[in-house]
Amino acid sequence: MESLRGKVAIVTGAGSGIGQRIAHVLAERGAKVVVSASREASAQGTTDAIRAAGGTVAPVFGDLADTATPQKIVDAAIAAFGRIDILVNNAAVTDAATLAKDANITEMDGPTWERVLKINTIAPALLCKAAIPHMITGGGGSIIMIASGRGVQGDLGLPAYGASKAALMNLALNVATQYGKQGIRANSLVVGMVMTPPVAASTEPAMLALFTGHHLTPYVADPQDIAEPVAFLASDAARFITGATLAVDGGMTAHAAPFADVMKMSGGAGMIKQE
């Protein structure tokens, strides 16, 4: 099924993890893909793998904390393929040094807030700014924000990350509202725990069991579970879906806080009466 044949997609944060899998799936569906990553080696690695699988792809790299990088990415897409139909704003702060500082609000410094917001919110906004005119010229486009459950819930850590993802979801609503009549759709995915290779390697069995207990599914996600809805929202099959915030988190944000505890106390039956 090549539902994206003839379309050109930009995927940020595509050097590894969720973004890498999204890039592969879009290419498998027939899109020409611009692989964006912070490091040249990462961008080239994903590019080589997609090309080896028969996909059409071009790499571009740069630090999204630099406000010149979004325009660089869009320029690379136009130079390589002449148009832009799909923008997946997936890149986010993942470096351990920044995440370690994104903890207690009263102890956080300005540079930590700035770096998280620059990469997670400002860069996607600037990518929209640069890409939307090309999308309009080409007859429309689909913009997909990879948000997070932290953007809709409070937590004991990562307040800057959570705030940035909440802003990203609102950015999608504004893009959908301002440019919908010109053929631009914008939607967000609320993503929870995803078992990328680094996450799988660093998650202790007890922690995995804890998170699994809070899912409504009997398992946590892998990157393919995120890539599939992205491919759908990017396609013409989703042409009437815009301004939507779709939870792709196994139900993590759907239930009451004591859900997992109640399930344990009731032997897995919850509050359902067994006949």
Protein backbone atom coordinates (compact mmCIF):
# COMPACT_ATOMS: atom_id res chain seq x y z
CA MET A 1 0.00 0.00 0.00
CA GLU A 2 1.62 3.25 -1.14
CA SER A 3 -0.87 5.77 0.20
CA LEU A 4 1.73 8.56 0.20
CA ARG A 5 3.09 8.16 -3.32
CA GLY A 6 3.99 11.55 -4.82
CA LYS A 7 4.23 13.28 -1.44
CA VAL A 8 7.32 14.77 0.19
CA ALA A 9 7.74 14.48 3.98
CA ILE A 10 10.07 16.10 6.49
CA VAL A 11 10.65 14.13 9.69
CA THR A 12 12.66 15.77 12.46
CA GLY A 13 14.50 13.73 15.06
CA ALA A 14 14.71 10.94 12.49
CA GLY A 15 18.19 9.79 13.37
CA SER A 16 16.92 7.24 15.88
CA GLY A 17 13.94 5.95 17.84
CA ILE A 18 10.40 7.03 17.00
CA GLY A 19 11.45 9.49 14.31
CA GLN A 20 13.57 6.93 12.55
CA ARG A 21 10.68 4.48 12.42
CA ILE A 22 8.30 7.19 11.20
CA ALA A 23 10.70 8.03 8.39
CA HIS A 24 10.91 4.37 7.37
CA VAL A 25 7.13 3.90 7.37
CA LEU A 26 6.47 7.05 5.34
CA ALA A 27 9.05 5.90 2.81
CA GLU A 28 7.45 2.44 2.70
CA ARG A 29 4.12 4.15 1.93
CA GLY A 30 5.73 5.85 -1.08
CA ALA A 31 6.69 9.28 0.26
CA LYS A 32 10.00 10.93 -0.50
CA VAL A 33 11.46 11.63 2.92
CA VAL A 34 13.77 14.32 4.23
CA VAL A 35 15.53 12.86 7.27
CA SER A 36 16.43 15.56 9.78
CA ALA A 37 18.67 14.86 12.78
CA SER A 38 20.94 16.84 15.06
CA ARG A 39 24.03 14.91 13.99
CA GLU A 40 25.24 14.20 10.46
CA ALA A 41 26.06 10.57 11.25
CA SER A 42 22.55 9.91 12.56
CA ALA A 43 20.86 11.55 9.57
CA GLN A 44 23.07 9.63 7.17
CA GLY A 45 22.50 6.32 8.96
CA THR A 46 18.72 6.55 8.61
CA THR A 47 19.10 7.78 5.03
CA ASP A 48 21.30 4.85 4.06
CA ALA A 49 18.89 2.34 5.62
CA ILE A 50 15.85 3.77 3.84
CA ARG A 51 17.71 3.98 0.56
CA ALA A 52 18.85 0.36 0.91
CA ALA A 53 15.20 -0.62 1.36
CA GLY A 54 14.30 1.11 -1.91
CA GLY A 55 13.04 4.41 -0.55
CA THR A 56 13.72 7.90 -1.85
CA VAL A 57 15.37 10.00 0.84
CA ALA A 58 17.63 12.97 1.53
CA PRO A 59 19.47 13.83 4.77
CA VAL A 60 19.84 17.16 6.56
CA PHE A 61 21.33 17.83 9.97
CA GLY A 62 21.53 20.66 12.46
CA ASP A 63 20.80 21.65 16.05
CA LEU A 64 17.18 22.77 16.37
CA ALA A 65 18.17 25.03 19.25
CA ASP A 66 19.68 27.21 16.50
CA THR A 67 16.82 29.27 15.07
CA ALA A 68 18.43 29.12 11.61
CA THR A 69 18.11 25.32 11.41
CA PRO A 70 14.36 25.07 10.59
CA GLN A 71 14.79 27.18 7.44
CA LYS A 72 17.84 25.07 6.53
CA ILE A 73 15.72 21.92 6.75
CA VAL A 74 12.93 23.32 4.60
CA ASP A 75 15.41 24.65 2.05
CA ALA A 76 17.00 21.20 1.85
CA ALA A 77 13.61 19.61 1.19
CA ILE A 78 12.82 22.04 -1.61
CA ALA A 79 16.29 21.61 -3.12
CA ALA A 80 16.00 17.82 -3.04
CA PHE A 81 12.37 17.29 -4.05
CA GLY A 82 10.80 20.62 -5.03
CA ARG A 83 7.81 20.51 -2.68
CA ILE A 84 6.65 19.74 0.88
CA ASP A 85 3.43 17.89 1.70
CA ILE A 86 4.05 16.47 5.17
CA LEU A 87 5.85 17.87 8.20
CA VAL A 88 6.36 15.63 11.24
CA ASN A 89 7.61 17.67 14.19
CA ASN A 90 9.02 14.79 16.18
CA ALA A 91 12.37 16.06 17.49
CA ALA A 92 12.58 16.76 21.21
CA VAL A 93 15.18 17.26 23.91
CA THR A 94 16.52 13.86 24.89
CA ASP A 95 20.06 14.55 26.09
CA ALA A 96 20.65 13.34 29.62
CA ALA A 97 22.34 16.54 30.79
CA THR A 98 19.32 18.72 30.00
CA LEU A 99 16.74 16.22 31.24
CA ALA A 100 18.59 15.90 34.55
CA LYS A 101 18.21 19.64 35.11
CA ASP A 102 14.52 19.57 34.09
CA ALA A 103 13.35 18.53 37.54
CA ASN A 104 12.27 20.71 40.46
CA ILE A 105 10.88 24.05 39.28
CA THR A 106 12.39 26.03 42.14
CA GLU A 107 15.85 24.72 41.27
CA MET A 108 15.75 25.08 37.46
CA ASP A 109 17.75 27.75 35.66
CA GLY A 110 16.83 29.86 32.64
CA PRO A 111 19.13 28.09 30.15
CA THR A 112 17.40 24.76 30.86
CA TRP A 113 13.97 26.24 30.14
CA GLU A 114 15.34 27.97 27.04
CA ARG A 115 16.91 24.87 25.53
CA VAL A 116 13.83 22.70 26.05
CA LEU A 117 11.45 25.31 24.65
CA LYS A 118 13.73 26.15 21.71
CA ILE A 119 13.90 22.54 20.54
CA ASN A 120 10.45 21.26 21.53
CA THR A 121 8.29 24.29 20.68
CA ILE A 122 10.05 27.16 18.93
CA ALA A 123 11.77 24.98 16.30
CA PRO A 124 8.46 23.30 15.31
CA ALA A 125 6.85 26.76 15.06
CA LEU A 126 9.66 27.98 12.80
CA LEU A 127 9.44 24.81 10.72
CA CYS A 128 5.72 25.50 10.25
CA LYS A 129 6.52 29.09 9.29
CA ALA A 130 9.00 27.96 6.65
CA ALA A 131 7.07 24.95 5.32
CA ILE A 132 3.47 26.21 5.18
CA PRO A 133 3.96 28.59 2.21
CA HIS A 134 5.40 25.71 0.17
CA MET A 135 2.53 23.45 1.23
CA ILE A 136 -0.01 26.05 0.18
CA THR A 137 1.69 26.45 -3.20
CA GLY A 138 1.53 22.68 -3.65
CA GLY A 139 -2.17 22.50 -2.82
CA GLY A 140 -2.09 21.76 0.90
CA GLY A 141 -0.33 19.64 3.46
CA SER A 142 -0.43 17.74 6.72
CA ILE A 143 1.50 18.77 9.84
CA ILE A 144 1.80 16.27 12.67
CA MET A 145 3.11 17.19 16.12
CA ILE A 146 4.53 14.41 18.27
CA ALA A 147 3.42 15.57 21.70
CA SER A 148 3.42 13.75 25.04
CA GLY A 149 1.26 12.68 27.93
CA ARG A 150 3.40 15.02 30.01
CA GLY A 151 1.75 17.88 28.13
CA VAL A 152 -1.66 17.02 29.56
CA GLN A 153 -0.67 15.83 33.05
CA GLY A 154 1.42 17.08 35.94
CA ASP A 155 4.34 14.98 37.11
CA LEU A 156 7.20 14.91 39.60
CA GLY A 157 9.74 15.81 36.93
CA LEU A 158 10.29 17.30 33.47
CA PRO A 159 8.11 20.43 33.88
CA ALA A 160 9.81 22.24 31.02
CA TYR A 161 9.36 19.23 28.76
CA GLY A 162 5.69 18.99 29.73
CA ALA A 163 5.06 22.69 29.21
CA SER A 164 6.77 22.59 25.83
CA LYS A 165 4.61 19.68 24.67
CA ALA A 166 1.42 21.41 25.86
CA ALA A 167 2.47 24.42 23.80
CA LEU A 168 3.13 22.15 20.81
CA MET A 169 -0.44 20.85 20.93
CA ASN A 170 -1.78 24.40 21.03
CA LEU A 171 0.48 25.31 18.12
CA ALA A 172 -1.21 22.58 16.07
CA LEU A 173 -4.63 24.04 16.89
CA ASN A 174 -3.53 27.49 15.76
CA VAL A 175 -1.99 26.20 12.53
CA ALA A 176 -5.16 24.23 11.77
CA THR A 177 -7.32 27.28 12.43
CA GLN A 178 -5.24 29.87 10.58
CA TYR A 179 -4.44 27.84 7.44
CA GLY A 180 -7.20 25.25 7.16
CA LYS A 181 -9.00 27.09 4.37
CA GLN A 182 -5.73 26.98 2.40
CA GLY A 183 -5.50 23.21 2.61
CA ILE A 184 -3.30 22.82 5.67
CA ARG A 185 -4.20 20.22 8.30
CA ALA A 186 -2.48 20.05 11.69
CA ASN A 187 -2.90 17.40 14.36
CA SER A 188 -1.09 16.19 17.48
CA LEU A 189 -0.33 12.75 18.86
CA VAL A 190 -0.17 12.39 22.64
CA VAL A 191 2.52 9.75 23.03
CA GLY A 192 3.41 7.87 26.19
CA MET A 193 6.11 5.32 26.95
CA VAL A 194 7.62 3.87 23.77
CA MET A 195 10.09 1.01 23.90
CA THR A 196 12.80 2.32 21.64
CA PRO A 197 16.10 0.41 21.97
CA PRO A 198 17.59 2.93 24.46
CA VAL A 199 14.42 2.95 26.57
CA ALA A 200 14.27 -0.84 26.56
CA ALA A 201 17.91 -1.07 27.59
CA SER A 202 17.57 1.42 30.46
CA THR A 203 14.19 0.40 31.90
CA GLU A 204 14.33 -1.95 34.88
CA PRO A 205 11.78 -4.81 34.90
CA ALA A 206 10.01 -3.33 37.94
CA MET A 207 9.61 0.03 36.21
CA LEU A 208 8.35 -1.63 33.03
CA ALA A 209 5.82 -3.57 35.11
CA LEU A 210 4.70 -0.32 36.77
CA PHE A 211 4.11 1.40 33.44
CA THR A 212 2.46 -1.65 31.93
CA GLY A 213 0.07 -1.70 34.88
CA HIS A 214 -1.07 1.82 34.06
CA HIS A 215 -1.70 1.05 30.39
CA LEU A 216 -5.17 -0.07 29.37
CA THR A 217 -3.51 -2.32 26.81
CA PRO A 218 -1.60 -5.38 28.04
CA TYR A 219 1.65 -3.99 26.60
CA VAL A 220 3.53 -0.74 26.05
CA ALA A 221 4.22 0.77 22.65
CA ASP A 222 7.03 0.18 20.22
CA PRO A 223 7.95 2.78 17.55
CA GLN A 224 5.74 1.13 14.92
CA ASP A 225 2.69 1.89 17.10
CA ILE A 226 3.44 5.60 16.66
CA ALA A 227 4.52 5.48 13.03
CA GLU A 228 1.27 3.92 11.83
CA PRO A 229 -1.08 6.72 13.01
CA VAL A 230 1.41 9.29 11.72
CA ALA A 231 1.24 7.68 8.27
CA PHE A 232 -2.55 7.72 8.43
CA LEU A 233 -2.75 11.40 9.42
CA ALA A 234 -0.27 12.23 6.66
CA SER A 235 -2.43 10.53 4.03
CA ASP A 236 -5.47 11.72 2.11
CA ALA A 237 -7.51 9.11 4.02
CA ALA A 238 -7.37 11.59 6.93
CA ARG A 239 -8.29 14.62 4.82
CA PHE A 240 -11.19 15.58 7.14
CA ILE A 241 -9.17 15.31 10.35
CA THR A 242 -7.59 18.53 11.56
CA GLY A 243 -7.18 20.30 14.87
CA ALA A 244 -7.33 16.92 16.59
CA THR A 245 -5.31 15.73 19.57
CA LEU A 246 -5.09 11.95 19.36
CA ALA A 247 -3.92 9.92 22.35
CA VAL A 248 -1.62 7.16 21.13
CA ASP A 249 -0.53 6.04 24.58
CA GLY A 250 -2.28 2.77 25.33
CA GLY A 251 -4.79 4.60 27.50
CA MET A 252 -2.23 6.08 29.91
CA THR A 253 -4.00 9.45 29.95
CA ALA A 254 -7.53 8.03 29.77
CA HIS A 255 -8.10 6.59 33.22
CA ALA A 256 -8.42 7.61 36.85
CA ALA A 257 -5.20 7.85 38.86
CA PRO A 258 -5.73 4.74 41.07
CA PHE A 259 -6.55 2.46 38.11
CA ALA A 260 -3.50 0.20 38.47
CA ASP A 261 -3.91 -0.07 42.26
CA VAL A 262 -7.59 -0.99 41.95
CA MET A 263 -6.72 -3.64 39.38
CA LYS A 264 -4.19 -5.18 41.76
CA MET A 265 -6.58 -5.12 44.71
CA SER A 266 -9.35 -6.77 42.71
CA GLY A 267 -7.17 -9.42 41.14
CA GLY A 268 -7.28 -7.81 37.73
CA ALA A 269 -11.05 -7.56 37.53
CA GLY A 270 -11.26 -3.87 38.39
CA MET A 271 -14.74 -2.83 39.44
CA ILE A 272 -16.46 -5.17 36.97
CA LYS A 273 -18.81 -7.61 38.67
CA GLN A 274 -18.08 -11.17 37.62
CA GLU A 275 -21.20 -13.24 36.97
